[in-house]
PDB file of N, CA and C in Angstrom:
ATOM      1  N   UNK A   1      38.979  -7.201 -51.845  1.00  0.00           N
ATOM      2  CA  UNK A   1      38.587  -5.983 -52.830  1.00  0.00           C
ATOM      3  C   UNK A   1      37.347  -7.522 -53.745  1.00  0.00           C
ATOM      4  N   UNK A   2      37.246  -7.920 -53.933  1.00  0.00           N
ATOM      5  CA  UNK A   2      36.839  -8.663 -54.130  1.00  0.00           C
ATOM      6  C   UNK A   2      34.889  -8.634 -53.835  1.00  0.00           C
ATOM      7  N   UNK A   3      35.173  -8.995 -52.136  1.00  0.00           N
ATOM      8  CA  UNK A   3      33.571  -9.208 -51.796  1.00  0.00           C
ATOM      9  C   UNK A   3      33.772  -7.798 -51.242  1.00  0.00           C
ATOM     10  N   UNK A   4      34.547  -6.658 -51.155  1.00  0.00           N
ATOM     11  CA  UNK A   4      33.939  -5.355 -51.588  1.00  0.00           C
ATOM     12  C   UNK A   4      32.887  -4.607 -52.541  1.00  0.00           C
ATOM     13  N   UNK A   5      33.304  -5.320 -54.070  1.00  0.00           N
ATOM     14  CA  UNK A   5      32.752  -5.359 -54.281  1.00  0.00           C
ATOM     15  C   UNK A   5      31.377  -5.789 -54.926  1.00  0.00           C
ATOM     16  N   UNK A   6      31.746  -7.056 -54.571  1.00  0.00           N
ATOM     17  CA  UNK A   6      30.311  -7.588 -54.414  1.00  0.00           C
ATOM     18  C   UNK A   6      29.095  -7.354 -53.852  1.00  0.00           C
ATOM     19  N   UNK A   7      29.476  -6.860 -52.229  1.00  0.00           N
ATOM     20  CA  UNK A   7      29.130  -5.635 -51.652  1.00  0.00           C
ATOM     21  C   UNK A   7      28.123  -5.175 -51.979  1.00  0.00           C
ATOM     22  N   UNK A   8      28.725  -4.263 -52.496  1.00  0.00           N
ATOM     23  CA  UNK A   8      28.986  -3.530 -52.278  1.00  0.00           C
ATOM     24  C   UNK A   8      27.793  -3.011 -54.187  1.00  0.00           C
ATOM     25  N   UNK A   9      27.909  -3.759 -54.665  1.00  0.00           N
ATOM     26  CA  UNK A   9      26.434  -4.768 -55.629  1.00  0.00           C
ATOM     27  C   UNK A   9      25.015  -4.666 -54.539  1.00  0.00           C
ATOM     28  N   UNK A  10      25.713  -5.852 -53.853  1.00  0.00           N
ATOM     29  CA  UNK A  10      24.381  -6.050 -52.844  1.00  0.00           C
ATOM     30  C   UNK A  10      23.779  -4.978 -52.450  1.00  0.00           C
ATOM     31  N   UNK A  11      24.509  -3.973 -52.037  1.00  0.00           N
ATOM     32  CA  UNK A  11      23.829  -3.031 -51.901  1.00  0.00           C
ATOM     33  C   UNK A  11      23.098  -1.971 -52.045  1.00  0.00           C
ATOM     34  N   UNK A  12      24.219  -1.806 -54.257  1.00  0.00           N
ATOM     35  CA  UNK A  12      22.978  -1.355 -54.104  1.00  0.00           C
ATOM     36  C   UNK A  12      21.286  -1.508 -54.920  1.00  0.00           C
ATOM     37  N   UNK A  13      21.938  -3.227 -55.178  1.00  0.00           N
ATOM     38  CA  UNK A  13      20.755  -4.160 -55.282  1.00  0.00           C
ATOM     39  C   UNK A  13      19.211  -3.520 -54.006  1.00  0.00           C
ATOM     40  N   UNK A  14      19.913  -3.930 -52.651  1.00  0.00           N
ATOM     41  CA  UNK A  14      18.919  -3.833 -52.180  1.00  0.00           C
ATOM     42  C   UNK A  14      17.999  -2.094 -51.232  1.00  0.00           C
ATOM     43  N   UNK A  15      19.134  -1.649 -52.560  1.00  0.00           N
ATOM     44  CA  UNK A  15      18.229   0.244 -52.030  1.00  0.00           C
ATOM     45  C   UNK A  15      17.009   0.189 -53.261  1.00  0.00           C
ATOM     46  N   UNK A  16      17.517  -0.561 -54.191  1.00  0.00           N
ATOM     47  CA  UNK A  16      16.842   0.012 -56.213  1.00  0.00           C
ATOM     48  C   UNK A  16      15.148  -0.756 -54.948  1.00  0.00           C
ATOM     49  N   UNK A  17      14.820  -1.282 -53.865  1.00  0.00           N
ATOM     50  CA  UNK A  17      13.110  -1.342 -53.457  1.00  0.00           C
ATOM     51  C   UNK A  17      12.226  -0.314 -53.306  1.00  0.00           C
ATOM     52  N   UNK A  18      12.403   0.470 -53.614  1.00  0.00           N
ATOM     53  CA  UNK A  18      11.821   1.803 -53.654  1.00  0.00           C
ATOM     54  C   UNK A  18      11.553   2.767 -54.034  1.00  0.00           C
ATOM     55  N   UNK A  19      11.253   2.971 -55.061  1.00  0.00           N
ATOM     56  CA  UNK A  19      11.376   4.577 -56.473  1.00  0.00           C
ATOM     57  C   UNK A  19      10.162   5.372 -55.413  1.00  0.00           C
ATOM     58  N   UNK A  20      10.117   6.351 -55.581  1.00  0.00           N
ATOM     59  CA  UNK A  20       9.768   7.873 -54.310  1.00  0.00           C
ATOM     60  C   UNK A  20      10.020   8.958 -55.213  1.00  0.00           C
ATOM     61  N   UNK A  21       8.798   9.159 -55.586  1.00  0.00           N
ATOM     62  CA  UNK A  21       8.823  10.325 -57.007  1.00  0.00           C
ATOM     63  C   UNK A  21       7.758  11.574 -56.015  1.00  0.00           C
ATOM     64  N   UNK A  22       8.550  12.635 -55.903  1.00  0.00           N
ATOM     65  CA  UNK A  22       8.402  13.709 -55.087  1.00  0.00           C
ATOM     66  C   UNK A  22       8.233  15.280 -56.453  1.00  0.00           C
ATOM     67  N   UNK A  23       7.164  16.218 -55.904  1.00  0.00           N
ATOM     68  CA  UNK A  23       7.146  16.887 -56.741  1.00  0.00           C
ATOM     69  C   UNK A  23       5.707  18.377 -55.590  1.00  0.00           C
ATOM     70  N   UNK A  24       6.259  19.543 -55.559  1.00  0.00           N
ATOM     71  CA  UNK A  24       6.359  20.471 -54.424  1.00  0.00           C
ATOM     72  C   UNK A  24       6.055  21.188 -54.972  1.00  0.00           C
ATOM     73  N   UNK A  25       5.265  21.988 -54.058  1.00  0.00           N
ATOM     74  CA  UNK A  25       5.359  23.483 -54.744  1.00  0.00           C
ATOM     75  C   UNK A  25       5.407  24.053 -53.128  1.00  0.00           C
ATOM     76  N   UNK A  26       6.405  24.825 -53.147  1.00  0.00           N
ATOM     77  CA  UNK A  26       6.817  25.794 -51.198  1.00  0.00           C
ATOM     78  C   UNK A  26       7.674  25.422 -50.727  1.00  0.00           C
ATOM     79  N   UNK A  27       7.673  25.773 -50.085  1.00  0.00           N
ATOM     80  CA  UNK A  27       9.477  26.654 -49.432  1.00  0.00           C
ATOM     81  C   UNK A  27      10.744  25.531 -49.480  1.00  0.00           C
ATOM     82  N   UNK A  28      11.406  25.772 -50.135  1.00  0.00           N
ATOM     83  CA  UNK A  28      13.086  25.245 -49.447  1.00  0.00           C
ATOM     84  C   UNK A  28      13.653  25.827 -48.363  1.00  0.00           C
ATOM     85  N   UNK A  29      14.923  25.040 -47.707  1.00  0.00           N
ATOM     86  CA  UNK A  29      14.613  24.891 -46.851  1.00  0.00           C
ATOM     87  C   UNK A  29      16.218  25.849 -47.427  1.00  0.00           C
ATOM     88  N   UNK A  30      17.830  26.065 -46.295  1.00  0.00           N
ATOM     89  CA  UNK A  30      18.754  26.994 -46.262  1.00  0.00           C
ATOM     90  C   UNK A  30      19.396  26.212 -45.883  1.00  0.00           C
ATOM     91  N   UNK A  31      20.671  25.958 -46.194  1.00  0.00           N
ATOM     92  CA  UNK A  31      21.796  25.874 -45.322  1.00  0.00           C
ATOM     93  C   UNK A  31      22.329  25.794 -45.577  1.00  0.00           C
ATOM     94  N   UNK A  32      23.451  27.113 -44.879  1.00  0.00           N
ATOM     95  CA  UNK A  32      24.618  27.278 -45.213  1.00  0.00           C
ATOM     96  C   UNK A  32      24.272  29.257 -45.946  1.00  0.00           C
ATOM     97  N   UNK A  33      23.347  29.322 -45.927  1.00  0.00           N
ATOM     98  CA  UNK A  33      22.469  30.378 -46.654  1.00  0.00           C
ATOM     99  C   UNK A  33      22.664  30.242 -48.348  1.00  0.00           C
ATOM    100  N   UNK A  34      22.112  28.919 -48.964  1.00  0.00           N
ATOM    101  CA  UNK A  34      21.969  29.070 -49.478  1.00  0.00           C
ATOM    102  C   UNK A  34      21.334  27.110 -49.460  1.00  0.00           C
ATOM    103  N   UNK A  35      20.324  28.074 -51.288  1.00  0.00           N
ATOM    104  CA  UNK A  35      18.950  27.122 -51.534  1.00  0.00           C
ATOM    105  C   UNK A  35      19.744  25.529 -51.638  1.00  0.00           C
ATOM    106  N   UNK A  36      19.013  24.558 -49.979  1.00  0.00           N
ATOM    107  CA  UNK A  36      18.959  22.963 -50.480  1.00  0.00           C
ATOM    108  C   UNK A  36      17.813  22.135 -50.891  1.00  0.00           C
ATOM    109  N   UNK A  37      17.886  21.226 -51.395  1.00  0.00           N
ATOM    110  CA  UNK A  37      16.641  20.425 -52.354  1.00  0.00           C
ATOM    111  C   UNK A  37      15.940  20.725 -51.516  1.00  0.00           C
ATOM    112  N   UNK A  38      15.625  20.135 -49.692  1.00  0.00           N
ATOM    113  CA  UNK A  38      15.192  19.973 -48.997  1.00  0.00           C
ATOM    114  C   UNK A  38      13.746  20.472 -49.237  1.00  0.00           C
ATOM    115  N   UNK A  39      13.599  19.577 -49.392  1.00  0.00           N
ATOM    116  CA  UNK A  39      10.771  20.177 -48.382  1.00  0.00           C
ATOM    117  C   UNK A  39      11.928  20.730 -47.523  1.00  0.00           C
ATOM    118  N   UNK A  40      10.766  22.138 -47.139  1.00  0.00           N
ATOM    119  CA  UNK A  40      10.622  22.066 -45.877  1.00  0.00           C
ATOM    120  C   UNK A  40       9.200  22.128 -44.731  1.00  0.00           C
ATOM    121  N   UNK A  41       8.480  20.638 -45.046  1.00  0.00           N
ATOM    122  CA  UNK A  41       7.294  20.727 -44.429  1.00  0.00           C
ATOM    123  C   UNK A  41       6.650  21.150 -42.971  1.00  0.00           C
ATOM    124  N   UNK A  42       7.488  21.866 -42.272  1.00  0.00           N
ATOM    125  CA  UNK A  42       7.418  22.324 -41.588  1.00  0.00           C
ATOM    126  C   UNK A  42       6.587  24.075 -42.150  1.00  0.00           C
ATOM    127  N   UNK A  43       6.539  24.602 -43.006  1.00  0.00           N
ATOM    128  CA  UNK A  43       6.188  25.276 -44.355  1.00  0.00           C
ATOM    129  C   UNK A  43       5.064  24.763 -45.165  1.00  0.00           C
ATOM    130  N   UNK A  44       3.883  24.010 -44.662  1.00  0.00           N
ATOM    131  CA  UNK A  44       3.303  22.984 -45.703  1.00  0.00           C
ATOM    132  C   UNK A  44       3.179  22.857 -46.868  1.00  0.00           C
ATOM    133  N   UNK A  45       3.928  22.452 -47.456  1.00  0.00           N
ATOM    134  CA  UNK A  45       3.657  22.987 -49.283  1.00  0.00           C
ATOM    135  C   UNK A  45       2.528  22.011 -49.824  1.00  0.00           C
ATOM    136  N   UNK A  46       2.703  22.079 -50.853  1.00  0.00           N
ATOM    137  CA  UNK A  46       1.169  21.803 -51.408  1.00  0.00           C
ATOM    138  C   UNK A  46       2.450  20.659 -51.914  1.00  0.00           C
ATOM    139  N   UNK A  47       2.565  19.164 -51.454  1.00  0.00           N
ATOM    140  CA  UNK A  47       3.240  17.437 -52.306  1.00  0.00           C
ATOM    141  C   UNK A  47       2.113  16.798 -53.354  1.00  0.00           C
ATOM    142  N   UNK A  48       2.743  16.802 -54.353  1.00  0.00           N
ATOM    143  CA  UNK A  48       2.467  15.453 -55.037  1.00  0.00           C
ATOM    144  C   UNK A  48       3.223  13.641 -54.742  1.00  0.00           C
ATOM    145  N   UNK A  49       3.156  12.962 -53.753  1.00  0.00           N
ATOM    146  CA  UNK A  49       4.090  11.747 -54.398  1.00  0.00           C
ATOM    147  C   UNK A  49       3.590  10.711 -54.057  1.00  0.00           C
ATOM    148  N   UNK A  50       4.747  10.418 -55.344  1.00  0.00           N
ATOM    149  CA  UNK A  50       4.013   8.375 -55.274  1.00  0.00           C
ATOM    150  C   UNK A  50       5.554   7.877 -55.381  1.00  0.00           C
ATOM    151  N   UNK A  51       5.059   6.577 -54.847  1.00  0.00           N
ATOM    152  CA  UNK A  51       5.763   5.568 -53.461  1.00  0.00           C
ATOM    153  C   UNK A  51       5.692   4.067 -54.942  1.00  0.00           C
ATOM    154  N   UNK A  52       6.445   3.770 -55.359  1.00  0.00           N
ATOM    155  CA  UNK A  52       6.715   2.732 -55.787  1.00  0.00           C
ATOM    156  C   UNK A  52       7.683   1.521 -54.991  1.00  0.00           C
ATOM    157  N   UNK A  53       6.942   0.538 -54.537  1.00  0.00           N
ATOM    158  CA  UNK A  53       8.160  -1.275 -54.102  1.00  0.00           C
ATOM    159  C   UNK A  53       7.779  -1.716 -55.217  1.00  0.00           C
ATOM    160  N   UNK A  54       9.525  -1.834 -55.655  1.00  0.00           N
ATOM    161  CA  UNK A  54       9.279  -2.587 -57.202  1.00  0.00           C
ATOM    162  C   UNK A  54       9.044  -3.997 -56.899  1.00  0.00           C
ATOM    163  N   UNK A  55       9.845  -4.404 -55.299  1.00  0.00           N
ATOM    164  CA  UNK A  55       9.227  -5.953 -55.260  1.00  0.00           C
ATOM    165  C   UNK A  55       7.952  -6.778 -55.420  1.00  0.00           C
ATOM    166  N   UNK A  56       7.224  -5.336 -54.678  1.00  0.00           N
ATOM    167  CA  UNK A  56       6.178  -6.386 -54.366  1.00  0.00           C
ATOM    168  C   UNK A  56       4.801  -5.907 -55.656  1.00  0.00           C
ATOM    169  N   UNK A  57       5.752  -4.138 -56.137  1.00  0.00           N
ATOM    170  CA  UNK A  57       4.478  -4.090 -57.752  1.00  0.00           C
ATOM    171  C   UNK A  57       3.198  -2.932 -56.774  1.00  0.00           C
ATOM    172  N   UNK A  58       3.657  -2.105 -55.300  1.00  0.00           N
ATOM    173  CA  UNK A  58       2.426  -1.289 -55.566  1.00  0.00           C
ATOM    174  C   UNK A  58       3.188  -0.375 -55.674  1.00  0.00           C
ATOM    175  N   UNK A  59       2.215   0.381 -55.863  1.00  0.00           N
ATOM    176  CA  UNK A  59       1.927   1.670 -56.235  1.00  0.00           C
ATOM    177  C   UNK A  59       1.404   2.747 -55.509  1.00  0.00           C
ATOM    178  N   UNK A  60       1.858   4.182 -54.610  1.00  0.00           N
ATOM    179  CA  UNK A  60       0.817   4.371 -54.402  1.00  0.00           C
ATOM    180  C   UNK A  60       1.280   5.860 -54.443  1.00  0.00           C
ATOM    181  N   UNK A  61      -0.108   7.125 -54.846  1.00  0.00           N
ATOM    182  CA  UNK A  61      -0.029   8.047 -55.409  1.00  0.00           C
ATOM    183  C   UNK A  61      -1.370   9.276 -54.442  1.00  0.00           C
ATOM    184  N   UNK A  62      -0.422  10.191 -53.706  1.00  0.00           N
ATOM    185  CA  UNK A  62      -0.974  11.307 -53.213  1.00  0.00           C
ATOM    186  C   UNK A  62      -0.467  12.247 -53.423  1.00  0.00           C
ATOM    187  N   UNK A  63      -1.443  13.277 -52.909  1.00  0.00           N
ATOM    188  CA  UNK A  63      -1.588  15.344 -52.834  1.00  0.00           C
ATOM    189  C   UNK A  63      -2.159  15.872 -52.838  1.00  0.00           C
ATOM    190  N   UNK A  64      -2.021  16.698 -52.873  1.00  0.00           N
ATOM    191  CA  UNK A  64      -3.147  17.967 -52.301  1.00  0.00           C
ATOM    192  C   UNK A  64      -3.632  18.008 -53.548  1.00  0.00           C
ATOM    193  N   UNK A  65      -4.980  18.470 -53.289  1.00  0.00           N
ATOM    194  CA  UNK A  65      -5.871  18.665 -53.430  1.00  0.00           C
ATOM    195  C   UNK A  65      -5.394  20.081 -54.627  1.00  0.00           C
ATOM    196  N   UNK A  66      -4.810  20.236 -54.121  1.00  0.00           N
ATOM    197  CA  UNK A  66      -4.980  21.587 -55.253  1.00  0.00           C
ATOM    198  C   UNK A  66      -3.723  21.677 -56.687  1.00  0.00           C
ATOM    199  N   UNK A  67      -3.710  19.654 -56.484  1.00  0.00           N
ATOM    200  CA  UNK A  67      -3.165  19.560 -57.942  1.00  0.00           C
ATOM    201  C   UNK A  67      -4.102  18.682 -58.796  1.00  0.00           C
ATOM    202  N   UNK A  68      -5.262  18.836 -57.470  1.00  0.00           N
ATOM    203  CA  UNK A  68      -7.090  18.722 -59.098  1.00  0.00           C
ATOM    204  C   UNK A  68      -8.039  19.157 -59.103  1.00  0.00           C
ATOM    205  N   UNK A  69      -7.406  20.369 -58.723  1.00  0.00           N
ATOM    206  CA  UNK A  69      -8.997  21.487 -58.606  1.00  0.00           C
ATOM    207  C   UNK A  69      -7.969  23.026 -58.567  1.00  0.00           C
ATOM    208  N   UNK A  70      -6.980  23.039 -58.267  1.00  0.00           N
ATOM    209  CA  UNK A  70      -6.284  24.539 -57.848  1.00  0.00           C
ATOM    210  C   UNK A  70      -5.362  24.939 -59.112  1.00  0.00           C
ATOM    211  N   UNK A  71      -4.445  25.000 -58.864  1.00  0.00           N
ATOM    212  CA  UNK A  71      -3.804  26.110 -59.524  1.00  0.00           C
ATOM    213  C   UNK A  71      -2.679  24.926 -59.482  1.00  0.00           C
ATOM    214  N   UNK A  72      -1.993  24.314 -59.496  1.00  0.00           N
ATOM    215  CA  UNK A  72      -0.988  23.925 -59.604  1.00  0.00           C
ATOM    216  C   UNK A  72      -1.727  22.027 -60.335  1.00  0.00           C
ATOM    217  N   UNK A  73      -2.836  21.854 -61.030  1.00  0.00           N
ATOM    218  CA  UNK A  73      -3.185  21.276 -62.215  1.00  0.00           C
ATOM    219  C   UNK A  73      -2.394  19.905 -63.138  1.00  0.00           C
ATOM    220  N   UNK A  74      -1.613  21.768 -63.668  1.00  0.00           N
ATOM    221  CA  UNK A  74      -0.716  21.465 -64.829  1.00  0.00           C
ATOM    222  C   UNK A  74       0.523  21.058 -64.367  1.00  0.00           C
ATOM    223  N   UNK A  75       0.468  20.720 -63.015  1.00  0.00           N
ATOM    224  CA  UNK A  75       1.732  19.487 -62.814  1.00  0.00           C
ATOM    225  C   UNK A  75       1.484  18.888 -62.268  1.00  0.00           C
ATOM    226  N   UNK A  76       0.886  18.039 -62.964  1.00  0.00           N
ATOM    227  CA  UNK A  76      -0.002  16.426 -62.408  1.00  0.00           C
ATOM    228  C   UNK A  76       0.346  15.814 -63.824  1.00  0.00           C
ATOM    229  N   UNK A  77       0.859  16.434 -64.829  1.00  0.00           N
ATOM    230  CA  UNK A  77       1.932  16.346 -66.720  1.00  0.00           C
ATOM    231  C   UNK A  77       2.694  16.057 -65.722  1.00  0.00           C
ATOM    232  N   UNK A  78       3.642  16.936 -65.200  1.00  0.00           N
ATOM    233  CA  UNK A  78       4.343  17.281 -65.322  1.00  0.00           C
ATOM    234  C   UNK A  78       5.566  16.311 -64.195  1.00  0.00           C
ATOM    235  N   UNK A  79       4.445  15.783 -62.968  1.00  0.00           N
ATOM    236  CA  UNK A  79       4.405  14.624 -61.820  1.00  0.00           C
ATOM    237  C   UNK A  79       4.818  13.492 -62.963  1.00  0.00           C
ATOM    238  N   UNK A  80       3.966  12.990 -63.947  1.00  0.00           N
ATOM    239  CA  UNK A  80       3.703  11.564 -64.335  1.00  0.00           C
ATOM    240  C   UNK A  80       4.561  11.828 -65.411  1.00  0.00           C
ATOM    241  N   UNK A  81       5.430  12.265 -65.419  1.00  0.00           N
ATOM    242  CA  UNK A  81       6.538  12.262 -66.719  1.00  0.00           C
ATOM    243  C   UNK A  81       7.743  12.169 -65.975  1.00  0.00           C
ATOM    244  N   UNK A  82       7.968  12.427 -64.492  1.00  0.00           N
ATOM    245  CA  UNK A  82       8.491  12.655 -63.880  1.00  0.00           C
ATOM    246  C   UNK A  82       8.893  10.760 -63.276  1.00  0.00           C
ATOM    247  N   UNK A  83       7.528  10.391 -63.292  1.00  0.00           N
ATOM    248  CA  UNK A  83       6.683   8.861 -62.997  1.00  0.00           C
ATOM    249  C   UNK A  83       8.130   8.112 -63.997  1.00  0.00           C
ATOM    250  N   UNK A  84       7.474   8.017 -64.838  1.00  0.00           N
ATOM    251  CA  UNK A  84       8.147   7.609 -66.372  1.00  0.00           C
ATOM    252  C   UNK A  84       9.978   7.428 -66.715  1.00  0.00           C
ATOM    253  N   UNK A  85       9.994   8.592 -66.588  1.00  0.00           N
ATOM    254  CA  UNK A  85      11.385   8.644 -66.032  1.00  0.00           C
ATOM    255  C   UNK A  85      12.321   8.107 -64.912  1.00  0.00           C
ATOM    256  N   UNK A  86      11.686   8.309 -63.707  1.00  0.00           N
ATOM    257  CA  UNK A  86      11.969   7.296 -63.067  1.00  0.00           C
ATOM    258  C   UNK A  86      11.419   5.973 -62.848  1.00  0.00           C
ATOM    259  N   UNK A  87      10.724   5.283 -63.489  1.00  0.00           N
ATOM    260  CA  UNK A  87      10.834   4.188 -63.931  1.00  0.00           C
ATOM    261  C   UNK A  87      11.916   3.359 -65.158  1.00  0.00           C
ATOM    262  N   UNK A  88      12.426   4.577 -65.823  1.00  0.00           N
ATOM    263  CA  UNK A  88      13.479   3.875 -67.156  1.00  0.00           C
ATOM    264  C   UNK A  88      14.433   3.797 -66.595  1.00  0.00           C
ATOM    265  N   UNK A  89      14.524   5.665 -65.411  1.00  0.00           N
ATOM    266  CA  UNK A  89      15.560   5.182 -64.405  1.00  0.00           C
ATOM    267  C   UNK A  89      16.122   3.520 -63.637  1.00  0.00           C
ATOM    268  N   UNK A  90      15.206   3.028 -63.763  1.00  0.00           N
ATOM    269  CA  UNK A  90      14.822   2.060 -62.156  1.00  0.00           C
ATOM    270  C   UNK A  90      15.917   0.963 -63.097  1.00  0.00           C
ATOM    271  N   UNK A  91      15.083   0.932 -64.820  1.00  0.00           N
ATOM    272  CA  UNK A  91      15.375  -0.251 -65.266  1.00  0.00           C
ATOM    273  C   UNK A  91      16.485   0.286 -65.701  1.00  0.00           C
ATOM    274  N   UNK A  92      16.716   1.128 -65.953  1.00  0.00           N
ATOM    275  CA  UNK A  92      18.295   0.697 -66.117  1.00  0.00           C
ATOM    276  C   UNK A  92      18.887   0.481 -65.523  1.00  0.00           C
ATOM    277  N   UNK A  93      19.384   1.175 -64.249  1.00  0.00           N
ATOM    278  CA  UNK A  93      20.270   0.736 -63.094  1.00  0.00           C
ATOM    279  C   UNK A  93      20.281  -0.551 -63.173  1.00  0.00           C
ATOM    280  N   UNK A  94      19.283  -1.329 -62.928  1.00  0.00           N
ATOM    281  CA  UNK A  94      19.127  -3.056 -63.414  1.00  0.00           C
ATOM    282  C   UNK A  94      19.528  -3.817 -63.734  1.00  0.00           C
ATOM    283  N   UNK A  95      19.703  -2.581 -65.209  1.00  0.00           N
ATOM    284  CA  UNK A  95      20.280  -3.494 -66.268  1.00  0.00           C
ATOM    285  C   UNK A  95      22.055  -3.699 -65.745  1.00  0.00           C
ATOM    286  N   UNK A  96      22.543  -1.580 -65.747  1.00  0.00           N
ATOM    287  CA  UNK A  96      23.086  -2.115 -65.167  1.00  0.00           C
ATOM    288  C   UNK A  96      24.330  -2.472 -64.244  1.00  0.00           C
ATOM    289  N   UNK A  97      22.927  -3.016 -62.792  1.00  0.00           N
ATOM    290  CA  UNK A  97      23.933  -3.530 -62.062  1.00  0.00           C
ATOM    291  C   UNK A  97      24.096  -4.869 -62.010  1.00  0.00           C
ATOM    292  N   UNK A  98      23.012  -6.031 -63.342  1.00  0.00           N
ATOM    293  CA  UNK A  98      22.944  -6.613 -63.419  1.00  0.00           C
ATOM    294  C   UNK A  98      24.672  -6.912 -64.157  1.00  0.00           C
ATOM    295  N   UNK A  99      25.093  -6.207 -65.252  1.00  0.00           N
ATOM    296  CA  UNK A  99      25.756  -5.817 -66.521  1.00  0.00           C
ATOM    297  C   UNK A  99      26.974  -5.722 -65.134  1.00  0.00           C
ATOM    298  N   UNK A 100      27.546  -5.648 -64.590  1.00  0.00           N
ATOM    299  CA  UNK A 100      28.704  -5.270 -63.311  1.00  0.00           C
ATOM    300  C   UNK A 100      28.498  -6.863 -62.383  1.00  0.00           C
ATOM    301  N   UNK A 101      27.180  -7.015 -62.112  1.00  0.00           N
ATOM    302  CA  UNK A 101      27.221  -8.184 -60.768  1.00  0.00           C
ATOM    303  C   UNK A 101      28.518  -9.336 -62.280  1.00  0.00           C
ATOM    304  N   UNK A 102      27.107  -9.979 -63.292  1.00  0.00           N
ATOM    305  CA  UNK A 102      28.053 -11.503 -64.321  1.00  0.00           C
ATOM    306  C   UNK A 102      30.137 -10.052 -64.783  1.00  0.00           C
ATOM    307  N   UNK A 103      30.353  -8.869 -64.266  1.00  0.00           N
ATOM    308  CA  UNK A 103      31.324  -8.783 -64.938  1.00  0.00           C
ATOM    309  C   UNK A 103      32.417  -8.702 -63.604  1.00  0.00           C
ATOM    310  N   UNK A 104      31.727  -8.800 -62.525  1.00  0.00           N
ATOM    311  CA  UNK A 104      32.447  -9.084 -61.091  1.00  0.00           C
ATOM    312  C   UNK A 104      32.927 -10.452 -61.193  1.00  0.00           C
ATOM    313  N   UNK A 105      31.818 -11.062 -61.187  1.00  0.00           N
ATOM    314  CA  UNK A 105      32.157 -12.878 -61.229  1.00  0.00           C
ATOM    315  C   UNK A 105      32.362 -13.085 -62.648  1.00  0.00           C
ATOM    316  N   UNK A 106      32.947 -12.581 -63.394  1.00  0.00           N
ATOM    317  CA  UNK A 106      33.806 -12.744 -64.911  1.00  0.00           C
ATOM    318  C   UNK A 106      35.348 -12.964 -63.557  1.00  0.00           C
ATOM    319  N   UNK A 107      35.440 -11.243 -63.703  1.00  0.00           N
ATOM    320  CA  UNK A 107      36.655 -10.907 -63.654  1.00  0.00           C
ATOM    321  C   UNK A 107      37.671 -10.804 -61.684  1.00  0.00           C
ATOM    322  N   UNK A 108      36.475 -11.766 -61.403  1.00  0.00           N
ATOM    323  CA  UNK A 108      36.713 -11.782 -60.025  1.00  0.00           C
ATOM    324  C   UNK A 108      36.972 -12.767 -58.822  1.00  0.00           C
ATOM    325  N   UNK A 109      36.532 -14.350 -60.090  1.00  0.00           N
ATOM    326  CA  UNK A 109      36.389 -15.288 -60.028  1.00  0.00           C
ATOM    327  C   UNK A 109      35.320 -16.087 -58.790  1.00  0.00           C
ATOM    328  N   UNK A 110      34.695 -15.154 -59.473  1.00  0.00           N
ATOM    329  CA  UNK A 110      33.642 -15.784 -57.591  1.00  0.00           C
ATOM    330  C   UNK A 110      32.421 -15.918 -58.023  1.00  0.00           C
TER     331      UNK A 110
END
């Protein structure tokens, strides 16, 4: 049991390597007749993507020109806000994992 908890914490830390924020305008896929949050890339949506490598500190942002000169310019601010929320969420998740790790170490005697 103790080893399982520690492995889950280690896996969670490994999954925190890349933060990805996507803002997309276009069709989403249908699954079982319901709208799914999966973007239907086969219909060429307009996408703005930010990818942050948390270990290297690299930040890459790419976006369709509609977000710069077209009708979706206002969504740039929305995307920037989501980036900020994403960073704050990662910081909170790391802090929570750190507390959980400390708790596991003390409670499980490892």
